[in-house]
Amino acid sequence: MTRKVATVFGGSGFVGQSVVGRLARAGYVVRVAGRTARLAATLRMLGDVGQVVPVVASIMDEAGCVAALEGCDLAINLVGILSPRGPATFEAIHVEGAARVARLAACAGVERLIHVSALGADVSSPSAYARSKAEGECAVTRAMPGAVIIRPSLIFGVGGPFPAMFARMARFMPVVPVFGAATRFQPVWVGDVAEGMLRLATDGSMAGAVFEFGGPRIMTMRQIVAWSARWAGHPRPLFEVPRWLANAQAGVLEHLPGKVLTRDQVRLLYVDNVVAPGARTIEMLGITPAPMDLILG
């Protein structure tokens, strides 16, 4: 029997590794598409010999995307950025790149496309990031109306940036700054996100649906940072950074290499990031989301 083929754009990242592993275990041949094959090559061990295949294909490259999608049954776009760098702008990645993948997937006869956006995507958002995510959703739907959109909240997991980033801050700082302390989030485990994608990939009745993935508990940023510090074994006093000071700091930091914090990110940090009432949720896929305490201990 011929195996189904899945192409995962951005598959070498934190979320991508979980997605690729689940697809491989489900029997897919998985093409891990990215700007280089080096990072993707480390994922070969997630499948049998020849089952996980690195492919050089940036979502900004038409020819690369065409090759990556040829003969593919399922496409998943995980590519996203938190701040623009050079030609990799929000417009280029979240809108034009997302539209390119959807358009070429439709032309290639791909059965299913799953596009990962973000909770809080909104064309009227004060954040350029969130606006571009919403515009990307519209572009994907126009190109491939049957595409499934997933909007996850803050994604956590072992080996991921969260809660490791806050844990490092607690380790080296006597007092940990908290930006957007009262803003609410709904952290969701990366394993549940990946499992949700697998279930959506095999359920044709969900074509064109929009899902919002959140975990079982709503937490403020202050609670998240405090939890992360305790988890790391370095409980610390917290300093709630006033918004005016956060903007001032971001105005400097966004011009430094690495862009640790930008003013656009500060805008985003003051908008709640929780599943909307009436939205399609991860529970509707038969998944009971795991809390951070259970996964990270």
Protein backbone atom coordinates (compact mmCIF):
# COMPACT_ATOMS: atom_id res chain seq x y z
CA MET A 1 0.00 0.00 0.00
CA THR A 2 1.36 3.45 -0.93
CA ARG A 3 2.03 5.63 2.06
CA LYS A 4 0.49 9.07 2.27
CA VAL A 5 2.89 12.00 2.00
CA ALA A 6 2.81 15.03 4.31
CA THR A 7 4.81 18.21 3.80
CA VAL A 8 5.46 20.26 6.94
CA PHE A 9 6.72 23.80 6.38
CA GLY A 10 8.67 24.93 9.42
CA GLY A 11 8.85 21.33 10.61
CA SER A 12 12.30 21.63 12.18
CA GLY A 13 11.08 24.01 14.90
CA PHE A 14 9.81 23.23 18.38
CA VAL A 15 6.20 22.58 17.36
CA GLY A 16 7.28 20.97 14.10
CA GLN A 17 9.27 18.25 15.83
CA SER A 18 6.17 17.03 17.66
CA VAL A 19 4.07 17.23 14.50
CA VAL A 20 6.64 15.34 12.40
CA GLY A 21 6.96 12.62 15.05
CA ARG A 22 3.22 12.05 15.22
CA LEU A 23 2.81 12.00 11.45
CA ALA A 24 5.64 9.49 11.12
CA ARG A 25 4.13 7.23 13.77
CA ALA A 26 0.81 7.46 11.89
CA GLY A 27 2.54 6.09 8.80
CA TYR A 28 3.07 9.21 6.71
CA VAL A 29 6.19 9.87 4.67
CA VAL A 30 7.06 13.32 6.00
CA ARG A 31 8.84 16.03 4.05
CA VAL A 32 10.30 18.59 6.45
CA ALA A 33 10.50 21.80 4.44
CA GLY A 34 12.68 24.71 5.52
CA ARG A 35 15.24 27.25 4.37
CA THR A 36 18.04 24.71 4.88
CA ALA A 37 18.12 20.93 5.22
CA ARG A 38 20.57 20.96 8.13
CA LEU A 39 18.08 21.35 10.97
CA ALA A 40 15.51 19.09 9.34
CA ALA A 41 18.11 16.34 8.92
CA THR A 42 18.20 15.84 12.69
CA LEU A 43 14.55 14.71 12.56
CA ARG A 44 15.29 11.61 10.44
CA MET A 45 15.41 9.54 13.64
CA LEU A 46 11.71 10.23 14.24
CA GLY A 47 10.76 7.73 11.53
CA ASP A 48 11.96 4.62 9.75
CA VAL A 49 14.74 4.80 7.17
CA GLY A 50 13.67 7.20 4.43
CA GLN A 51 10.40 8.12 6.12
CA VAL A 52 11.37 11.63 7.26
CA VAL A 53 12.88 13.59 4.35
CA PRO A 54 14.50 17.04 4.65
CA VAL A 55 13.53 19.38 1.80
CA VAL A 56 14.97 22.83 1.07
CA ALA A 57 11.89 24.98 0.53
CA SER A 58 11.31 28.42 2.01
CA ILE A 59 7.71 29.63 1.90
CA MET A 60 9.14 32.74 0.22
CA ASP A 61 10.42 30.62 -2.69
CA GLU A 62 7.85 29.68 -5.34
CA ALA A 63 9.90 26.93 -7.01
CA GLY A 64 10.89 25.38 -3.68
CA CYS A 65 7.27 25.24 -2.53
CA VAL A 66 6.15 23.68 -5.82
CA ALA A 67 8.72 20.89 -5.44
CA ALA A 68 7.90 20.33 -1.76
CA LEU A 69 4.16 19.98 -2.47
CA GLU A 70 4.38 17.73 -5.53
CA GLY A 71 2.52 14.46 -4.93
CA CYS A 72 1.67 15.45 -1.37
CA ASP A 73 -1.59 14.47 0.38
CA LEU A 74 -1.33 16.75 3.42
CA ALA A 75 0.39 20.11 3.90
CA ILE A 76 0.93 21.87 7.22
CA ASN A 77 2.25 25.42 7.48
CA LEU A 78 3.86 26.17 10.84
CA VAL A 79 6.03 29.07 9.71
CA GLY A 80 5.78 32.26 11.74
CA ILE A 81 7.99 35.03 13.13
CA LEU A 82 7.69 37.20 16.22
CA SER A 83 9.60 40.13 14.75
CA PRO A 84 10.62 41.14 11.20
CA ARG A 85 14.21 40.70 10.05
CA GLY A 86 15.35 41.90 6.65
CA PRO A 87 13.17 40.48 3.87
CA ALA A 88 11.37 38.25 6.37
CA THR A 89 8.64 40.75 7.23
CA PHE A 90 5.23 39.99 8.71
CA GLU A 91 3.71 40.62 5.29
CA ALA A 92 6.21 38.35 3.50
CA ILE A 93 5.88 35.44 5.94
CA HIS A 94 2.42 35.57 7.48
CA VAL A 95 0.50 36.85 4.46
CA GLU A 96 2.35 36.32 1.17
CA GLY A 97 4.10 33.11 2.29
CA ALA A 98 0.93 31.62 3.73
CA ALA A 99 -1.00 32.51 0.57
CA ARG A 100 1.73 30.96 -1.59
CA VAL A 101 1.60 27.65 0.27
CA ALA A 102 -2.21 27.56 0.04
CA ARG A 103 -2.33 28.52 -3.63
CA LEU A 104 0.31 25.98 -4.64
CA ALA A 105 -1.25 23.28 -2.44
CA ALA A 106 -4.56 23.81 -4.23
CA CYS A 107 -2.84 23.68 -7.64
CA ALA A 108 -1.01 20.49 -6.66
CA GLY A 109 -4.24 18.77 -5.65
CA VAL A 110 -3.27 18.47 -2.00
CA GLU A 111 -6.20 16.88 -0.12
CA ARG A 112 -5.81 18.82 3.12
CA LEU A 113 -4.04 21.95 4.28
CA ILE A 114 -3.63 22.90 7.92
CA HIS A 115 -2.53 26.48 8.49
CA VAL A 116 -1.30 27.44 11.96
CA SER A 117 -2.12 31.03 12.85
CA ALA A 118 -2.27 32.45 16.38
CA LEU A 119 -4.85 33.10 19.04
CA GLY A 120 -5.61 36.81 18.93
CA ALA A 121 -5.28 37.10 15.16
CA ASP A 122 -7.40 40.15 14.34
CA VAL A 123 -7.35 42.63 11.47
CA SER A 124 -8.16 45.41 13.95
CA SER A 125 -5.49 44.45 16.51
CA PRO A 126 -3.07 47.16 17.71
CA SER A 127 -0.27 44.66 16.97
CA ALA A 128 1.12 44.32 13.43
CA TYR A 129 1.91 40.68 14.23
CA ALA A 130 -1.72 39.86 15.05
CA ARG A 131 -3.02 41.84 12.07
CA SER A 132 -0.72 39.99 9.69
CA LYS A 133 -1.80 36.64 11.14
CA ALA A 134 -5.44 37.55 10.47
CA GLU A 135 -4.65 38.74 6.95
CA GLY A 136 -2.78 35.48 6.37
CA GLU A 137 -5.83 33.48 7.39
CA CYS A 138 -7.95 35.37 4.86
CA ALA A 139 -5.36 34.82 2.14
CA VAL A 140 -5.20 31.09 2.86
CA THR A 141 -8.98 30.73 2.82
CA ARG A 142 -9.26 32.58 -0.47
CA ALA A 143 -6.67 30.33 -2.10
CA MET A 144 -7.94 27.08 -0.55
CA PRO A 145 -11.39 27.36 1.07
CA GLY A 146 -11.13 23.89 2.58
CA ALA A 147 -8.01 24.73 4.58
CA VAL A 148 -8.25 24.25 8.35
CA ILE A 149 -7.02 27.16 10.48
CA ILE A 150 -5.59 26.55 13.95
CA ARG A 151 -5.09 29.40 16.42
CA PRO A 152 -3.08 28.20 19.43
CA SER A 153 -2.45 30.14 22.62
CA LEU A 154 0.99 30.09 24.25
CA ILE A 155 2.52 26.64 23.50
CA PHE A 156 4.61 24.95 26.20
CA GLY A 157 6.65 21.79 26.37
CA VAL A 158 9.99 20.22 27.26
CA GLY A 159 12.68 21.69 25.02
CA GLY A 160 10.53 24.63 23.99
CA PRO A 161 11.08 28.35 24.54
CA PHE A 162 8.29 28.43 27.13
CA PRO A 163 8.67 28.14 30.09
CA ALA A 164 12.46 27.86 29.60
CA MET A 165 12.86 31.59 28.84
CA PHE A 166 11.22 32.65 32.10
CA ALA A 167 13.15 29.96 33.97
CA ARG A 168 16.47 31.37 32.70
CA MET A 169 15.45 34.85 33.78
CA ALA A 170 14.69 33.57 37.27
CA ARG A 171 18.01 31.79 37.44
CA PHE A 172 20.11 34.86 36.74
CA MET A 173 17.96 37.77 38.01
CA PRO A 174 17.29 38.54 41.67
CA VAL A 175 14.01 40.20 40.63
CA VAL A 176 12.15 39.07 37.48
CA PRO A 177 10.42 41.73 35.35
CA VAL A 178 6.92 40.92 34.13
CA PHE A 179 5.47 42.62 31.05
CA GLY A 180 1.68 42.63 30.69
CA ALA A 181 1.30 41.09 34.14
CA ALA A 182 -2.51 41.05 34.12
CA THR A 183 -2.92 39.75 30.55
CA ARG A 184 -4.55 36.32 30.40
CA PHE A 185 -3.20 33.33 28.47
CA GLN A 186 -4.31 29.73 28.06
CA PRO A 187 -1.08 27.70 27.75
CA VAL A 188 -1.46 24.53 25.66
CA TRP A 189 0.91 21.56 25.51
CA VAL A 190 2.78 21.06 22.25
CA GLY A 191 1.87 17.36 22.25
CA ASP A 192 -1.83 18.20 22.33
CA VAL A 193 -1.39 20.72 19.51
CA ALA A 194 0.39 18.10 17.38
CA GLU A 195 -2.23 15.46 18.15
CA GLY A 196 -4.97 17.93 17.20
CA MET A 197 -3.33 18.47 13.82
CA LEU A 198 -3.10 14.74 13.21
CA ARG A 199 -6.79 14.28 13.96
CA LEU A 200 -7.73 17.18 11.71
CA ALA A 201 -5.58 15.71 8.95
CA THR A 202 -7.64 12.53 8.97
CA ASP A 203 -11.09 14.11 9.36
CA GLY A 204 -12.48 15.45 6.10
CA SER A 205 -15.61 16.78 7.81
CA MET A 206 -13.56 19.62 9.31
CA ALA A 207 -12.65 21.22 5.97
CA GLY A 208 -12.74 25.00 6.20
CA ALA A 209 -13.04 25.04 10.00
CA VAL A 210 -11.24 27.39 12.38
CA PHE A 211 -10.07 25.97 15.71
CA GLU A 212 -8.75 27.75 18.79
CA PHE A 213 -6.39 25.60 20.86
CA GLY A 214 -6.03 26.42 24.54
CA GLY A 215 -5.07 24.47 27.62
CA PRO A 216 -7.22 23.63 30.65
CA ARG A 217 -6.26 26.66 32.72
CA ILE A 218 -6.34 30.41 32.09
CA MET A 219 -3.37 32.16 33.71
CA THR A 220 -2.17 35.74 33.89
CA MET A 221 1.34 36.52 32.73
CA ARG A 222 2.29 37.16 36.34
CA GLN A 223 1.09 33.67 37.30
CA ILE A 224 2.94 32.14 34.34
CA VAL A 225 6.24 33.80 35.22
CA ALA A 226 5.90 32.90 38.91
CA TRP A 227 5.09 29.28 38.00
CA SER A 228 8.08 29.10 35.65
CA ALA A 229 10.44 30.41 38.31
CA ARG A 230 9.20 27.85 40.85
CA TRP A 231 9.42 25.08 38.23
CA ALA A 232 13.06 26.01 37.63
CA GLY A 233 13.78 25.92 41.35
CA HIS A 234 14.46 29.66 41.52
CA PRO A 235 11.40 31.41 42.97
CA ARG A 236 11.96 35.15 42.76
CA PRO A 237 10.20 38.40 43.57
CA LEU A 238 8.43 39.81 40.52
CA PHE A 239 8.41 43.39 39.24
CA GLU A 240 5.36 44.36 37.16
CA VAL A 241 6.80 46.62 34.48
CA PRO A 242 4.53 49.63 33.80
CA ARG A 243 3.41 49.84 30.21
CA TRP A 244 5.14 53.17 29.59
CA LEU A 245 8.43 51.69 30.78
CA ALA A 246 7.91 48.53 28.71
CA ASN A 247 7.44 50.67 25.61
CA ALA A 248 10.54 52.71 26.41
CA GLN A 249 12.67 49.59 26.91
CA ALA A 250 11.31 47.95 23.76
CA GLY A 251 12.08 51.10 21.78
CA VAL A 252 15.75 50.51 22.56
CA LEU A 253 15.87 46.70 22.50
CA GLU A 254 14.17 46.36 19.10
CA HIS A 255 17.18 48.05 17.50
CA LEU A 256 19.70 45.62 19.03
CA PRO A 257 20.74 42.27 17.50
CA GLY A 258 18.29 39.53 18.42
CA LYS A 259 15.39 41.94 19.03
CA VAL A 260 14.74 40.64 22.55
CA LEU A 261 11.66 42.86 22.82
CA THR A 262 9.87 45.10 20.33
CA ARG A 263 7.15 47.72 20.75
CA ASP A 264 4.84 45.56 18.64
CA GLN A 265 5.34 42.67 21.07
CA VAL A 266 4.52 44.98 23.96
CA ARG A 267 1.22 45.86 22.26
CA LEU A 268 0.48 42.15 21.94
CA LEU A 269 1.33 41.52 25.59
CA TYR A 270 -1.56 43.73 26.69
CA VAL A 271 -4.25 41.81 24.77
CA ASP A 272 -5.82 38.70 26.35
CA ASN A 273 -4.88 35.45 24.60
CA VAL A 274 -7.68 33.01 25.48
CA VAL A 275 -10.14 30.87 23.54
CA ALA A 276 -13.21 32.84 22.50
CA PRO A 277 -16.68 31.75 23.66
CA GLY A 278 -18.31 29.53 21.05
CA ALA A 279 -15.07 28.75 19.22
CA ARG A 280 -14.20 25.25 18.01
CA THR A 281 -11.78 23.88 20.58
CA ILE A 282 -9.26 21.10 20.96
CA GLU A 283 -11.72 19.25 23.20
CA MET A 284 -14.04 18.89 20.19
CA LEU A 285 -11.39 16.65 18.65
CA GLY A 286 -11.61 14.25 21.59
CA ILE A 287 -8.49 15.61 23.29
CA THR A 288 -8.42 16.49 26.97
CA PRO A 289 -5.67 19.15 27.14
CA ALA A 290 -2.92 18.49 29.65
CA PRO A 291 -1.98 21.06 32.33
CA MET A 292 1.58 22.32 32.74
CA ASP A 293 1.93 20.67 36.15
CA LEU A 294 1.31 17.23 34.64
CA ILE A 295 3.69 17.60 31.68
CA LEU A 296 6.53 19.55 33.27
CA GLY A 297 6.14 18.38 36.86
